[in-house]
Amino acid sequence: MFSADRRPSIAAQYLGLVPGSLHGMNILELGPLEGAHTYQLAKLGADRILSIEANSEAFLKCLIVKEILRTPRCRFLLGDCLKFLQINRDRFDMIFCSGILYHMENPFELIKAIAQHTDRVFLWTHYYDPDVPSGAGRKPKVVNCDGLELILYEHIYGETTNSGQFWGGTMPSASWLEKAGIQRCFEHFGYQFSVHEDNPTQEAGPWITATALRQPTGAHG
């Protein structure tokens, strides 16, 4: 069940304490949606999984999945994952961040918050590419984030938020980074950033599967 999605196994292969396994690891998952990845992370041996979901309907589905599939090592919380990271002081062996970064108003702020909590990050995200039709017409905005100059591209959700099937961010718009910009953000906080899959032609927007790893040195600011 759920085995067709390779993202959790990629996380285990490149970020596990033992390659291919999450045994012994305390994991924070950002945006579990309906709990499929959560279940896979548990099956890969994670000791504990704390998952933060902002969408109330998706959160309830996560609770149903937890009950049906009997995953007692998983805990789901309803709320804003960025605010959670900013006020919480716990450390995690890995943060699993799939389908979240491109829903942020300022993706740098999420990466900065993540860097305070872990030395291992799994990332799946869309990125901006001006040569792809889905990115046409977006105006660039140059911002300075902790001394790092970045270009953000606004993505407006529009009427899709009223469709009843919207699973995006909690704000009316988000900002996308170019692929190189995402890498620069992680390197800014001392991570070695590796892209394992890159789909530049996806209709909804180009996407990457990546990991970020740094030597354990505690929190970075």
Protein backbone atom coordinates (compact mmCIF):
# COMPACT_ATOMS: atom_id res chain seq x y z
CA MET A 1 0.00 0.00 0.00
CA PHE A 2 1.31 3.49 -0.96
CA SER A 3 4.51 1.82 -2.19
CA ALA A 4 4.27 3.46 -5.63
CA ASP A 5 5.39 6.76 -4.11
CA ARG A 6 9.19 6.66 -3.92
CA ARG A 7 9.73 9.77 -1.81
CA PRO A 8 9.93 8.14 1.63
CA SER A 9 12.29 5.43 0.36
CA ILE A 10 14.53 8.09 -1.22
CA ALA A 11 14.62 9.87 2.13
CA ALA A 12 15.64 6.63 3.83
CA GLN A 13 18.29 5.84 1.23
CA TYR A 14 20.10 9.17 1.47
CA LEU A 15 19.29 10.37 4.99
CA GLY A 16 18.82 7.24 7.09
CA LEU A 17 21.30 6.53 9.87
CA VAL A 18 21.60 3.23 8.01
CA PRO A 19 21.05 3.69 4.25
CA GLY A 20 17.62 2.45 3.25
CA SER A 21 16.21 2.48 6.78
CA LEU A 22 14.79 5.11 9.14
CA HIS A 23 15.28 2.91 12.19
CA GLY A 24 16.00 4.88 15.35
CA MET A 25 15.01 8.23 13.87
CA ASN A 26 12.72 10.92 15.26
CA ILE A 27 11.08 12.60 12.25
CA LEU A 28 9.11 15.80 11.78
CA GLU A 29 6.84 15.73 8.74
CA LEU A 30 5.55 19.00 7.30
CA GLY A 31 2.25 18.71 5.45
CA PRO A 32 1.26 15.02 5.64
CA LEU A 33 -1.94 15.76 3.66
CA GLU A 34 -3.71 12.40 4.04
CA GLY A 35 -1.01 10.44 5.87
CA ALA A 36 0.32 8.27 3.04
CA HIS A 37 3.92 9.37 3.49
CA THR A 38 3.53 9.12 7.25
CA TYR A 39 2.57 5.48 6.95
CA GLN A 40 5.53 4.78 4.66
CA LEU A 41 7.96 6.54 6.99
CA ALA A 42 6.70 4.37 9.84
CA LYS A 43 7.06 1.21 7.73
CA LEU A 44 10.66 2.21 7.01
CA GLY A 45 11.37 2.00 10.73
CA ALA A 46 11.04 5.53 12.12
CA ASP A 47 10.84 5.51 15.91
CA ARG A 48 8.60 8.58 16.13
CA ILE A 49 6.87 10.78 13.57
CA LEU A 50 5.29 14.13 14.38
CA SER A 51 3.26 15.49 11.45
CA ILE A 52 1.94 19.05 11.16
CA GLU A 53 -1.02 19.63 8.80
CA ALA A 54 -2.65 23.04 8.18
CA ASN A 55 -5.73 21.84 6.28
CA SER A 56 -8.47 20.73 8.70
CA GLU A 57 -10.08 18.27 6.27
CA ALA A 58 -6.73 16.66 5.45
CA PHE A 59 -5.94 16.53 9.17
CA LEU A 60 -9.09 14.52 9.87
CA LYS A 61 -8.20 12.13 7.04
CA CYS A 62 -4.77 11.65 8.65
CA LEU A 63 -6.45 10.61 11.89
CA ILE A 64 -8.59 8.10 10.01
CA VAL A 65 -5.53 6.65 8.25
CA LYS A 66 -3.73 6.39 11.59
CA GLU A 67 -6.64 4.45 13.09
CA ILE A 68 -7.13 2.12 10.13
CA LEU A 69 -3.45 1.35 9.54
CA ARG A 70 -2.55 1.25 13.24
CA THR A 71 0.49 3.52 13.31
CA PRO A 72 0.88 4.32 17.03
CA ARG A 73 4.31 5.90 16.58
CA CYS A 74 2.73 8.72 14.53
CA ARG A 75 1.23 11.87 15.99
CA PHE A 76 -0.71 14.44 13.97
CA LEU A 77 -1.17 18.10 14.90
CA LEU A 78 -3.37 20.69 13.19
CA GLY A 79 -1.70 24.03 12.59
CA ASP A 80 0.83 26.19 10.77
CA CYS A 81 4.12 24.32 10.39
CA LEU A 82 6.16 27.54 10.07
CA LYS A 83 4.80 28.93 13.33
CA PHE A 84 5.40 25.55 14.98
CA LEU A 85 9.06 25.59 13.91
CA GLN A 86 9.51 29.18 15.04
CA ILE A 87 8.26 28.61 18.59
CA ASN A 88 9.36 25.01 19.15
CA ARG A 89 12.88 24.14 20.34
CA ASP A 90 12.95 20.38 19.73
CA ARG A 91 15.57 18.77 17.49
CA PHE A 92 14.70 16.09 14.94
CA ASP A 93 16.83 13.51 13.18
CA MET A 94 15.14 14.43 9.91
CA ILE A 95 12.51 16.82 8.58
CA PHE A 96 10.41 15.46 5.73
CA CYS A 97 9.14 18.41 3.68
CA SER A 98 7.05 17.33 0.70
CA GLY A 99 4.71 19.64 -1.20
CA ILE A 100 5.09 22.55 1.22
CA LEU A 101 7.87 24.92 0.19
CA TYR A 102 6.11 26.29 -2.89
CA HIS A 103 3.05 27.19 -0.80
CA MET A 104 5.05 29.62 1.37
CA GLU A 105 4.80 33.40 1.03
CA ASN A 106 8.53 33.47 1.71
CA PRO A 107 10.12 30.04 1.22
CA PHE A 108 13.41 31.25 2.70
CA GLU A 109 11.71 31.67 6.08
CA LEU A 110 10.64 28.03 6.10
CA ILE A 111 14.13 26.83 5.19
CA LYS A 112 15.58 29.08 7.90
CA ALA A 113 13.18 27.62 10.47
CA ILE A 114 13.92 24.05 9.36
CA ALA A 115 17.64 24.70 9.78
CA GLN A 116 17.09 25.39 13.48
CA HIS A 117 15.77 21.87 14.04
CA THR A 118 17.68 19.32 11.97
CA ASP A 119 20.77 18.46 9.97
CA ARG A 120 18.85 16.19 7.56
CA VAL A 121 16.12 17.46 5.24
CA PHE A 122 14.11 15.66 2.59
CA LEU A 123 12.54 18.04 0.07
CA TRP A 124 10.04 17.60 -2.72
CA THR A 125 8.93 20.87 -4.27
CA HIS A 126 7.94 22.71 -7.40
CA TYR A 127 10.32 25.41 -8.58
CA TYR A 128 10.08 28.35 -10.97
CA ASP A 129 11.37 28.13 -14.51
CA PRO A 130 10.64 31.03 -16.91
CA ASP A 131 10.84 28.69 -19.90
CA VAL A 132 7.95 26.52 -18.73
CA PRO A 133 4.38 27.65 -19.64
CA SER A 134 3.14 27.38 -16.04
CA GLY A 135 5.64 30.09 -15.07
CA ALA A 136 4.79 32.57 -17.81
CA GLY A 137 3.97 36.11 -16.76
CA ARG A 138 5.10 35.95 -13.15
CA LYS A 139 6.84 39.11 -12.07
CA PRO A 140 10.15 38.69 -10.22
CA LYS A 141 10.66 40.30 -6.83
CA VAL A 142 14.18 40.71 -5.49
CA VAL A 143 14.41 40.28 -1.72
CA ASN A 144 17.25 40.24 0.79
CA CYS A 145 16.98 37.45 3.34
CA ASP A 146 19.65 37.43 6.04
CA GLY A 147 22.13 38.88 3.56
CA LEU A 148 21.17 36.44 0.81
CA GLU A 149 19.71 38.05 -2.31
CA LEU A 150 16.91 35.97 -3.80
CA ILE A 151 14.35 36.32 -6.57
CA LEU A 152 10.79 35.32 -5.68
CA TYR A 153 8.02 34.72 -8.22
CA GLU A 154 4.46 35.26 -7.03
CA HIS A 155 1.96 32.45 -7.54
CA ILE A 156 -1.66 33.58 -7.05
CA TYR A 157 -4.18 30.83 -6.29
CA GLY A 158 -7.23 32.79 -7.44
CA GLU A 159 -10.57 30.98 -7.65
CA THR A 160 -9.00 27.56 -7.07
CA THR A 161 -9.18 28.22 -3.33
CA ASN A 162 -12.99 28.12 -3.54
CA SER A 163 -13.20 24.86 -5.47
CA GLY A 164 -13.67 22.68 -2.40
CA GLN A 165 -10.72 20.54 -3.48
CA PHE A 166 -7.91 23.00 -2.82
CA TRP A 167 -5.00 21.52 -0.89
CA GLY A 168 -2.61 24.46 -1.17
CA GLY A 169 -1.35 27.07 1.24
CA THR A 170 -3.31 29.03 3.82
CA MET A 171 -2.64 32.41 2.16
CA PRO A 172 -4.10 33.75 -1.13
CA SER A 173 -0.72 33.59 -2.83
CA ALA A 174 2.72 32.03 -2.52
CA SER A 175 6.22 32.66 -3.83
CA TRP A 176 8.29 30.24 -5.88
CA LEU A 177 12.06 30.09 -6.11
CA GLU A 178 14.15 29.00 -9.04
CA LYS A 179 15.94 25.69 -8.54
CA ALA A 180 19.29 27.41 -8.04
CA GLY A 181 17.69 29.72 -5.49
CA ILE A 182 16.46 26.78 -3.43
CA GLN A 183 19.95 25.32 -3.41
CA ARG A 184 21.48 28.65 -2.36
CA CYS A 185 19.07 28.86 0.59
CA PHE A 186 20.11 25.48 1.94
CA GLU A 187 23.80 26.13 1.34
CA HIS A 188 23.39 29.42 3.24
CA PHE A 189 22.68 27.32 6.33
CA GLY A 190 25.57 24.93 5.82
CA TYR A 191 23.82 22.07 4.02
CA GLN A 192 25.12 20.01 1.16
CA PHE A 193 22.21 20.04 -1.28
CA SER A 194 21.67 17.11 -3.67
CA VAL A 195 19.00 16.75 -6.35
CA HIS A 196 17.98 13.13 -6.97
CA GLU A 197 15.07 13.65 -9.38
CA ASP A 198 14.27 16.60 -11.63
CA ASN A 199 11.15 16.87 -13.78
CA PRO A 200 11.38 20.16 -15.70
CA THR A 201 8.32 19.59 -17.91
CA GLN A 202 5.53 18.83 -15.42
CA GLU A 203 2.37 20.73 -16.40
CA ALA A 204 1.70 21.95 -12.86
CA GLY A 205 5.28 23.22 -12.64
CA PRO A 206 8.79 21.74 -12.66
CA TRP A 207 9.67 19.76 -9.56
CA ILE A 208 12.65 18.25 -7.79
CA THR A 209 13.24 15.55 -5.24
CA ALA A 210 16.24 16.57 -3.13
CA THR A 211 18.02 16.06 0.16
CA ALA A 212 20.00 18.47 2.30
CA LEU A 213 22.62 17.19 4.72
CA ARG A 214 25.13 18.90 6.99
CA GLN A 215 27.53 17.82 9.68
CA PRO A 216 25.85 17.87 13.12
CA THR A 217 26.76 21.16 14.74
CA GLY A 218 23.51 22.08 16.46
CA ALA A 219 21.22 24.91 15.44
CA HIS A 220 22.33 27.41 12.82
CA GLY A 221 21.21 31.01 12.72
